[in-house]
C-alpha atoms as a PDB file:
ATOM      1  CA  MET A   1     -44.708  40.263 -42.686  1.00  0.00           C
ATOM      2  CA  THR A   2     -47.000  42.900 -41.201  1.00  0.00           C
ATOM      3  CA  ILE A   3     -45.870  46.387 -40.266  1.00  0.00           C
ATOM      4  CA  PHE A   4     -46.539  45.673 -36.585  1.00  0.00           C
ATOM      5  CA  LEU A   5     -44.344  42.567 -36.669  1.00  0.00           C
ATOM      6  CA  ARG A   6     -41.537  44.422 -38.448  1.00  0.00           C
ATOM      7  CA  ARG A   7     -41.600  47.184 -35.863  1.00  0.00           C
ATOM      8  CA  THR A   8     -41.714  44.691 -32.989  1.00  0.00           C
ATOM      9  CA  ILE A   9     -38.685  42.822 -34.339  1.00  0.00           C
ATOM     10  CA  PHE A  10     -36.821  46.085 -34.939  1.00  0.00           C
ATOM     11  CA  ILE A  11     -37.483  47.331 -31.394  1.00  0.00           C
ATOM     12  CA  GLY A  12     -36.495  43.913 -30.049  1.00  0.00           C
ATOM     13  CA  ILE A  13     -33.158  44.087 -31.879  1.00  0.00           C
ATOM     14  CA  LEU A  14     -32.502  47.561 -30.492  1.00  0.00           C
ATOM     15  CA  ALA A  15     -33.349  46.316 -26.982  1.00  0.00           C
ATOM     16  CA  VAL A  16     -30.895  43.415 -27.298  1.00  0.00           C
ATOM     17  CA  ILE A  17     -28.154  45.746 -28.554  1.00  0.00           C
ATOM     18  CA  TRP A  18     -28.768  48.110 -25.636  1.00  0.00           C
ATOM     19  CA  GLU A  19     -28.744  45.331 -23.053  1.00  0.00           C
ATOM     20  CA  VAL A  20     -25.555  43.733 -24.387  1.00  0.00           C
ATOM     21  CA  THR A  21     -23.806  47.100 -24.671  1.00  0.00           C
ATOM     22  CA  SER A  22     -24.868  48.007 -21.137  1.00  0.00           C
ATOM     23  CA  ARG A  23     -23.461  44.787 -19.700  1.00  0.00           C
ATOM     24  CA  LEU A  24     -20.181  45.037 -21.619  1.00  0.00           C
ATOM     25  CA  SER A  25     -19.690  48.751 -21.002  1.00  0.00           C
ATOM     26  CA  SER A  26     -17.226  49.938 -18.388  1.00  0.00           C
ATOM     27  CA  LEU A  27     -19.581  52.758 -17.415  1.00  0.00           C
ATOM     28  CA  PRO A  28     -21.315  52.451 -14.025  1.00  0.00           C
ATOM     29  CA  ASP A  29     -24.974  51.406 -13.890  1.00  0.00           C
ATOM     30  CA  PHE A  30     -26.247  54.862 -12.975  1.00  0.00           C
ATOM     31  CA  MET A  31     -24.713  56.266 -16.188  1.00  0.00           C
ATOM     32  CA  PHE A  32     -25.612  53.401 -18.552  1.00  0.00           C
ATOM     33  CA  PRO A  33     -28.451  51.435 -16.930  1.00  0.00           C
ATOM     34  CA  SER A  34     -29.612  48.076 -18.248  1.00  0.00           C
ATOM     35  CA  LEU A  35     -33.094  47.587 -19.655  1.00  0.00           C
ATOM     36  CA  ILE A  36     -34.051  45.591 -16.570  1.00  0.00           C
ATOM     37  CA  GLN A  37     -33.130  48.543 -14.374  1.00  0.00           C
ATOM     38  CA  ILE A  38     -34.925  50.985 -16.670  1.00  0.00           C
ATOM     39  CA  PHE A  39     -38.168  49.011 -16.798  1.00  0.00           C
ATOM     40  CA  SER A  40     -37.997  48.404 -13.056  1.00  0.00           C
ATOM     41  CA  THR A  41     -37.847  52.167 -12.491  1.00  0.00           C
ATOM     42  CA  LEU A  42     -40.624  52.674 -15.036  1.00  0.00           C
ATOM     43  CA  TYR A  43     -42.826  50.112 -13.325  1.00  0.00           C
ATOM     44  CA  SER A  44     -42.172  51.621  -9.880  1.00  0.00           C
ATOM     45  CA  GLY A  45     -42.971  55.119 -11.154  1.00  0.00           C
ATOM     46  CA  ILE A  46     -46.274  53.942 -12.592  1.00  0.00           C
ATOM     47  CA  VAL A  47     -47.241  51.937  -9.512  1.00  0.00           C
ATOM     48  CA  ASN A  48     -46.462  54.710  -6.997  1.00  0.00           C
ATOM     49  CA  GLY A  49     -48.264  57.246  -9.195  1.00  0.00           C
ATOM     50  CA  GLN A  50     -45.270  59.514  -9.845  1.00  0.00           C
ATOM     51  CA  ILE A  51     -45.243  59.014 -13.609  1.00  0.00           C
ATOM     52  CA  ILE A  52     -49.045  58.935 -13.908  1.00  0.00           C
ATOM     53  CA  THR A  53     -49.301  62.267 -12.087  1.00  0.00           C
ATOM     54  CA  ALA A  54     -46.629  63.750 -14.347  1.00  0.00           C
ATOM     55  CA  ILE A  55     -48.452  62.513 -17.461  1.00  0.00           C
ATOM     56  CA  ILE A  56     -51.730  64.075 -16.306  1.00  0.00           C
ATOM     57  CA  GLU A  57     -50.049  67.419 -15.576  1.00  0.00           C
ATOM     58  CA  SER A  58     -48.242  67.466 -18.930  1.00  0.00           C
ATOM     59  CA  MET A  59     -51.308  66.472 -20.945  1.00  0.00           C
ATOM     60  CA  SER A  60     -53.428  69.099 -19.177  1.00  0.00           C
ATOM     61  CA  ARG A  61     -50.976  71.825 -20.147  1.00  0.00           C
ATOM     62  CA  LEU A  62     -50.726  70.470 -23.667  1.00  0.00           C
ATOM     63  CA  LEU A  63     -54.504  70.419 -24.110  1.00  0.00           C
ATOM     64  CA  ILE A  64     -54.855  74.038 -22.998  1.00  0.00           C
ATOM     65  CA  GLY A  65     -51.908  75.339 -25.017  1.00  0.00           C
ATOM     66  CA  PHE A  66     -52.727  73.356 -28.147  1.00  0.00           C
ATOM     67  CA  THR A  67     -56.378  74.402 -28.085  1.00  0.00           C
ATOM     68  CA  ALA A  68     -55.392  78.047 -27.738  1.00  0.00           C
ATOM     69  CA  ALA A  69     -52.886  77.691 -30.590  1.00  0.00           C
ATOM     70  CA  THR A  70     -55.478  76.052 -32.840  1.00  0.00           C
ATOM     71  CA  VAL A  71     -58.079  78.770 -32.292  1.00  0.00           C
ATOM     72  CA  LEU A  72     -55.520  81.557 -32.665  1.00  0.00           C
ATOM     73  CA  GLY A  73     -53.957  79.947 -35.728  1.00  0.00           C
ATOM     74  CA  LEU A  74     -57.299  79.562 -37.492  1.00  0.00           C
ATOM     75  CA  PHE A  75     -58.206  83.177 -36.714  1.00  0.00           C
ATOM     76  CA  LEU A  76     -54.878  84.567 -37.931  1.00  0.00           C
ATOM     77  CA  GLY A  77     -55.011  82.305 -40.981  1.00  0.00           C
ATOM     78  CA  TYR A  78     -58.446  83.686 -41.840  1.00  0.00           C
ATOM     79  CA  LEU A  79     -57.224  87.272 -41.555  1.00  0.00           C
ATOM     80  CA  ILE A  80     -54.213  86.600 -43.764  1.00  0.00           C
ATOM     81  CA  TRP A  81     -56.376  84.858 -46.360  1.00  0.00           C
ATOM     82  CA  ARG A  82     -59.193  87.388 -46.272  1.00  0.00           C
ATOM     83  CA  PHE A  83     -57.263  90.683 -46.364  1.00  0.00           C
ATOM     84  CA  LYS A  84     -54.411  91.437 -48.742  1.00  0.00           C
ATOM     85  CA  TYR A  85     -52.723  93.932 -46.431  1.00  0.00           C
ATOM     86  CA  MET A  86     -52.780  91.317 -43.655  1.00  0.00           C
ATOM     87  CA  GLU A  87     -51.017  88.883 -45.969  1.00  0.00           C
ATOM     88  CA  ASP A  88     -48.354  91.457 -46.787  1.00  0.00           C
ATOM     89  CA  THR A  89     -47.749  92.402 -43.144  1.00  0.00           C
ATOM     90  CA  LEU A  90     -48.965  89.772 -40.677  1.00  0.00           C
ATOM     91  CA  GLY A  91     -48.265  86.919 -43.094  1.00  0.00           C
ATOM     92  CA  PHE A  92     -44.667  88.075 -43.471  1.00  0.00           C
ATOM     93  CA  LEU A  93     -44.283  88.311 -39.682  1.00  0.00           C
ATOM     94  CA  VAL A  94     -45.747  84.846 -39.067  1.00  0.00           C
ATOM     95  CA  THR A  95     -43.328  83.316 -41.559  1.00  0.00           C
ATOM     96  CA  ALA A  96     -40.429  84.978 -39.760  1.00  0.00           C
ATOM     97  CA  LEU A  97     -41.658  83.930 -36.311  1.00  0.00           C
ATOM     98  CA  GLN A  98     -42.046  80.298 -37.384  1.00  0.00           C
ATOM     99  CA  SER A  99     -38.285  80.064 -37.829  1.00  0.00           C
ATOM    100  CA  ILE A 100     -37.721  80.918 -34.151  1.00  0.00           C
ATOM    101  CA  PRO A 101     -37.593  77.799 -31.910  1.00  0.00           C
ATOM    102  CA  SER A 102     -40.311  77.988 -29.268  1.00  0.00           C
ATOM    103  CA  ILE A 103     -37.853  77.452 -26.408  1.00  0.00           C
ATOM    104  CA  VAL A 104     -36.173  80.759 -27.340  1.00  0.00           C
ATOM    105  CA  TRP A 105     -39.317  82.471 -26.035  1.00  0.00           C
ATOM    106  CA  PHE A 106     -38.884  80.949 -22.583  1.00  0.00           C
ATOM    107  CA  PRO A 107     -36.637  83.688 -21.066  1.00  0.00           C
ATOM    108  CA  LEU A 108     -39.130  86.287 -22.240  1.00  0.00           C
ATOM    109  CA  ALA A 109     -42.002  84.246 -20.799  1.00  0.00           C
ATOM    110  CA  ILE A 110     -40.253  84.054 -17.421  1.00  0.00           C
ATOM    111  CA  ILE A 111     -39.827  87.831 -17.370  1.00  0.00           C
ATOM    112  CA  TRP A 112     -43.476  88.389 -18.305  1.00  0.00           C
ATOM    113  CA  PHE A 113     -45.191  85.673 -16.254  1.00  0.00           C
ATOM    114  CA  GLY A 114     -42.605  84.319 -13.821  1.00  0.00           C
ATOM    115  CA  LEU A 115     -41.423  80.730 -13.482  1.00  0.00           C
ATOM    116  CA  ASN A 116     -44.859  79.106 -13.416  1.00  0.00           C
ATOM    117  CA  ASP A 117     -47.497  77.361 -15.524  1.00  0.00           C
ATOM    118  CA  PHE A 118     -48.243  80.503 -17.520  1.00  0.00           C
ATOM    119  CA  SER A 119     -44.709  80.541 -18.902  1.00  0.00           C
ATOM    120  CA  ILE A 120     -44.977  76.912 -19.981  1.00  0.00           C
ATOM    121  CA  LEU A 121     -48.425  77.423 -21.508  1.00  0.00           C
ATOM    122  CA  PHE A 122     -47.104  80.462 -23.359  1.00  0.00           C
ATOM    123  CA  ILE A 123     -44.311  78.599 -25.141  1.00  0.00           C
ATOM    124  CA  VAL A 124     -46.589  75.610 -25.832  1.00  0.00           C
ATOM    125  CA  THR A 125     -49.042  77.966 -27.526  1.00  0.00           C
ATOM    126  CA  ILE A 126     -46.271  79.786 -29.374  1.00  0.00           C
ATOM    127  CA  GLY A 127     -44.845  76.446 -30.478  1.00  0.00           C
ATOM    128  CA  ALA A 128     -47.967  75.577 -32.478  1.00  0.00           C
ATOM    129  CA  THR A 129     -49.596  78.899 -33.377  1.00  0.00           C
ATOM    130  CA  TRP A 130     -47.388  79.879 -36.312  1.00  0.00           C
ATOM    131  CA  THR A 131     -47.490  76.427 -37.900  1.00  0.00           C
ATOM    132  CA  MET A 132     -51.268  76.314 -37.498  1.00  0.00           C
ATOM    133  CA  THR A 133     -51.582  79.815 -38.970  1.00  0.00           C
ATOM    134  CA  ILE A 134     -49.582  78.925 -42.071  1.00  0.00           C
ATOM    135  CA  SER A 135     -51.488  75.660 -42.556  1.00  0.00           C
ATOM    136  CA  ALA A 136     -54.862  77.392 -42.168  1.00  0.00           C
ATOM    137  CA  THR A 137     -53.867  80.163 -44.569  1.00  0.00           C
ATOM    138  CA  SER A 138     -52.726  77.634 -47.152  1.00  0.00           C
ATOM    139  CA  GLY A 139     -55.911  75.624 -46.695  1.00  0.00           C
ATOM    140  CA  PHE A 140     -58.143  78.654 -47.180  1.00  0.00           C
ATOM    141  CA  LYS A 141     -56.200  79.778 -50.262  1.00  0.00           C
ATOM    142  CA  ASN A 142     -56.422  76.354 -51.876  1.00  0.00           C
ATOM    143  CA  VAL A 143     -60.214  76.192 -51.836  1.00  0.00           C
ATOM    144  CA  PRO A 144     -61.209  75.783 -55.521  1.00  0.00           C
ATOM    145  CA  LYS A 145     -62.487  78.985 -57.067  1.00  0.00           C
ATOM    146  CA  LEU A 146     -65.357  77.046 -58.594  1.00  0.00           C
ATOM    147  CA  TYR A 147     -66.722  76.185 -55.135  1.00  0.00           C
ATOM    148  CA  GLN A 148     -66.598  79.814 -54.115  1.00  0.00           C
ATOM    149  CA  GLN A 149     -68.241  81.087 -57.299  1.00  0.00           C
ATOM    150  CA  VAL A 150     -71.068  78.560 -57.132  1.00  0.00           C
ATOM    151  CA  ALA A 151     -71.715  79.353 -53.459  1.00  0.00           C
ATOM    152  CA  LYS A 152     -71.785  83.108 -54.095  1.00  0.00           C
ATOM    153  CA  THR A 153     -74.065  82.608 -57.092  1.00  0.00           C
ATOM    154  CA  LEU A 154     -76.491  80.761 -54.815  1.00  0.00           C
ATOM    155  CA  GLY A 155     -76.434  83.685 -52.389  1.00  0.00           C
ATOM    156  CA  SER A 156     -73.954  82.465 -49.799  1.00  0.00           C
ATOM    157  CA  SER A 157     -71.937  85.195 -48.103  1.00  0.00           C
ATOM    158  CA  GLY A 158     -70.380  86.267 -44.835  1.00  0.00           C
ATOM    159  CA  PHE A 159     -70.246  83.707 -42.048  1.00  0.00           C
ATOM    160  CA  HIS A 160     -72.485  81.290 -43.973  1.00  0.00           C
ATOM    161  CA  PHE A 161     -69.964  81.284 -46.841  1.00  0.00           C
ATOM    162  CA  LEU A 162     -67.103  80.683 -44.429  1.00  0.00           C
ATOM    163  CA  ARG A 163     -68.924  77.915 -42.532  1.00  0.00           C
ATOM    164  CA  THR A 164     -70.364  76.003 -45.480  1.00  0.00           C
ATOM    165  CA  VAL A 165     -67.682  76.439 -48.146  1.00  0.00           C
ATOM    166  CA  ILE A 166     -64.279  77.651 -46.964  1.00  0.00           C
ATOM    167  CA  LEU A 167     -63.907  75.654 -43.741  1.00  0.00           C
ATOM    168  CA  PRO A 168     -65.181  72.289 -45.086  1.00  0.00           C
ATOM    169  CA  ALA A 169     -63.018  72.547 -48.218  1.00  0.00           C
ATOM    170  CA  SER A 170     -59.981  73.419 -46.072  1.00  0.00           C
ATOM    171  CA  VAL A 171     -60.401  70.501 -43.645  1.00  0.00           C
ATOM    172  CA  PRO A 172     -57.836  68.121 -45.221  1.00  0.00           C
ATOM    173  CA  GLN A 173     -55.022  70.667 -45.022  1.00  0.00           C
ATOM    174  CA  ILE A 174     -56.113  71.925 -41.605  1.00  0.00           C
ATOM    175  CA  ILE A 175     -55.963  68.364 -40.245  1.00  0.00           C
ATOM    176  CA  SER A 176     -52.429  68.004 -41.602  1.00  0.00           C
ATOM    177  CA  GLY A 177     -51.577  71.296 -39.947  1.00  0.00           C
ATOM    178  CA  LEU A 178     -53.018  70.101 -36.650  1.00  0.00           C
ATOM    179  CA  ARG A 179     -50.792  67.038 -36.756  1.00  0.00           C
ATOM    180  CA  ILE A 180     -47.649  69.103 -37.296  1.00  0.00           C
ATOM    181  CA  ALA A 181     -48.701  71.763 -34.786  1.00  0.00           C
ATOM    182  CA  TRP A 182     -49.308  69.111 -32.121  1.00  0.00           C
ATOM    183  CA  ALA A 183     -45.774  67.781 -32.596  1.00  0.00           C
ATOM    184  CA  PHE A 184     -44.371  71.288 -32.119  1.00  0.00           C
ATOM    185  CA  SER A 185     -46.531  71.798 -29.015  1.00  0.00           C
ATOM    186  CA  TRP A 186     -45.383  68.494 -27.511  1.00  0.00           C
ATOM    187  CA  ARG A 187     -41.717  69.358 -28.000  1.00  0.00           C
ATOM    188  CA  ALA A 188     -42.217  72.870 -26.632  1.00  0.00           C
ATOM    189  CA  LEU A 189     -43.995  71.463 -23.586  1.00  0.00           C
ATOM    190  CA  MET A 190     -41.143  69.073 -22.767  1.00  0.00           C
ATOM    191  CA  ALA A 191     -38.588  71.853 -23.162  1.00  0.00           C
ATOM    192  CA  GLY A 192     -40.627  74.225 -21.007  1.00  0.00           C
ATOM    193  CA  GLU A 193     -41.132  71.678 -18.221  1.00  0.00           C
ATOM    194  CA  LEU A 194     -37.482  70.698 -18.384  1.00  0.00           C
ATOM    195  CA  LEU A 195     -36.386  74.275 -17.733  1.00  0.00           C
ATOM    196  CA  GLY A 196     -39.374  75.353 -15.656  1.00  0.00           C
ATOM    197  CA  ALA A 197     -41.034  74.095 -12.521  1.00  0.00           C
ATOM    198  CA  GLY A 198     -44.334  72.660 -11.394  1.00  0.00           C
ATOM    199  CA  GLY A 199     -44.232  68.958 -12.235  1.00  0.00           C
ATOM    200  CA  GLY A 200     -44.837  67.183 -15.500  1.00  0.00           C
ATOM    201  CA  LEU A 201     -42.738  64.761 -17.500  1.00  0.00           C
ATOM    202  CA  GLY A 202     -40.140  67.394 -18.337  1.00  0.00           C
ATOM    203  CA  HIS A 203     -39.707  68.138 -14.645  1.00  0.00           C
ATOM    204  CA  LEU A 204     -39.175  64.419 -13.980  1.00  0.00           C
ATOM    205  CA  LEU A 205     -36.427  64.455 -16.605  1.00  0.00           C
ATOM    206  CA  GLU A 206     -34.701  67.340 -14.848  1.00  0.00           C
ATOM    207  CA  MET A 207     -35.069  65.622 -11.485  1.00  0.00           C
ATOM    208  CA  GLY A 208     -33.502  62.447 -12.862  1.00  0.00           C
ATOM    209  CA  ARG A 209     -30.609  64.456 -14.287  1.00  0.00           C
ATOM    210  CA  SER A 210     -29.982  66.350 -11.051  1.00  0.00           C
ATOM    211  CA  LEU A 211     -30.041  63.117  -9.030  1.00  0.00           C
ATOM    212  CA  GLY A 212     -27.885  61.267 -11.533  1.00  0.00           C
ATOM    213  CA  GLN A 213     -30.601  58.653 -12.156  1.00  0.00           C
ATOM    214  CA  MET A 214     -30.286  57.842 -15.826  1.00  0.00           C
ATOM    215  CA  ASP A 215     -32.766  54.984 -15.403  1.00  0.00           C
ATOM    216  CA  LEU A 216     -35.411  57.576 -14.469  1.00  0.00           C
ATOM    217  CA  VAL A 217     -34.395  59.844 -17.344  1.00  0.00           C
ATOM    218  CA  ILE A 218     -34.641  57.043 -19.906  1.00  0.00           C
ATOM    219  CA  SER A 219     -37.918  55.807 -18.393  1.00  0.00           C
ATOM    220  CA  VAL A 220     -39.471  59.237 -18.882  1.00  0.00           C
ATOM    221  CA  MET A 221     -38.031  59.427 -22.400  1.00  0.00           C
ATOM    222  CA  ILE A 222     -39.767  56.128 -23.192  1.00  0.00           C
ATOM    223  CA  ILE A 223     -43.068  57.498 -21.863  1.00  0.00           C
ATOM    224  CA  ILE A 224     -42.667  60.681 -23.949  1.00  0.00           C
ATOM    225  CA  GLY A 225     -41.944  58.657 -27.067  1.00  0.00           C
ATOM    226  CA  VAL A 226     -44.867  56.287 -26.479  1.00  0.00           C
ATOM    227  CA  ILE A 227     -47.346  59.134 -25.925  1.00  0.00           C
ATOM    228  CA  GLY A 228     -46.067  60.970 -28.992  1.00  0.00           C
ATOM    229  CA  THR A 229     -46.359  57.848 -31.145  1.00  0.00           C
ATOM    230  CA  ILE A 230     -49.850  57.029 -29.887  1.00  0.00           C
ATOM    231  CA  MET A 231     -51.141  60.541 -30.498  1.00  0.00           C
ATOM    232  CA  ASP A 232     -49.584  60.797 -33.942  1.00  0.00           C
ATOM    233  CA  ASN A 233     -50.581  57.350 -35.246  1.00  0.00           C
ATOM    234  CA  LEU A 234     -53.859  56.631 -33.475  1.00  0.00           C
ATOM    235  CA  VAL A 235     -55.312  60.131 -33.455  1.00  0.00           C
ATOM    236  CA  PHE A 236     -53.923  62.567 -36.010  1.00  0.00           C
ATOM    237  CA  LEU A 237     -52.695  60.160 -38.688  1.00  0.00           C
ATOM    238  CA  ARG A 238     -55.926  58.163 -38.557  1.00  0.00           C
ATOM    239  CA  LEU A 239     -57.979  61.368 -38.654  1.00  0.00           C
ATOM    240  CA  GLU A 240     -55.909  62.676 -41.561  1.00  0.00           C
ATOM    241  CA  ARG A 241     -56.333  59.459 -43.551  1.00  0.00           C
ATOM    242  CA  GLY A 242     -60.054  59.370 -42.810  1.00  0.00           C
ATOM    243  CA  VAL A 243     -60.510  62.915 -44.065  1.00  0.00           C
ATOM    244  CA  GLN A 244     -58.400  62.272 -47.162  1.00  0.00           C
ATOM    245  CA  LYS A 245     -60.421  59.151 -47.961  1.00  0.00           C
ATOM    246  CA  LYS A 246     -63.704  61.010 -47.487  1.00  0.00           C
ATOM    247  CA  TRP A 247     -62.529  63.844 -49.719  1.00  0.00           C
ATOM    248  CA  GLY A 248     -61.230  61.358 -52.321  1.00  0.00           C
ATOM    249  CA  ILE A 249     -57.607  62.578 -52.211  1.00  0.00           C
ATOM    250  CA  SER A 250     -55.934  59.404 -50.933  1.00  0.00           C
END
């Protein structure tokens, strides 16, 4: 039995359990909607463009925030790897900041930027920066000393050394870091949109809650889960496996 078939059967069993429980439950439909009601709402949201618009808004914010976090994380990781005093000071701070959930930054972001896109982008960036920094630092530190010695013997130094030796040798771990950082960004984005304003999937969740439409809430949750699964399995996991196979570590 293939993995796809196993997963399909498993999801089918869960769907049957949900549908039966929904029909037997004494809760009203708006509190415990059936799958038919949920998929009807999902279909309507896609057809009228409401969900598609929300997906575009959310993915746009995610792309900006995640890109900023990646660049910042690589830069901070380089500083921590390159300079001992940065490792002792900035490295210690980054480790401490990673333990703080990104949503905790949201009140501060509102005070600094107001209840707008900048606040959401801020916590999305914060959500991935520290993880990316730690992954980049670890990747740079794990470059074999032999590679570095051979490159320096051949005259490589400065930016050329970083571009041709350190970065390529760090790629496998950086890719793994990207995968984890993206997951943190995605969660931070949903939390920020849920509490903030300006559209997006998180805002649709809040709207469904305020209107008491659990079918809308669950429909958006399905979309969030599907997007997260697609990105993780078809983009980052495939990229990670490809890099590991190329580097001969899988």
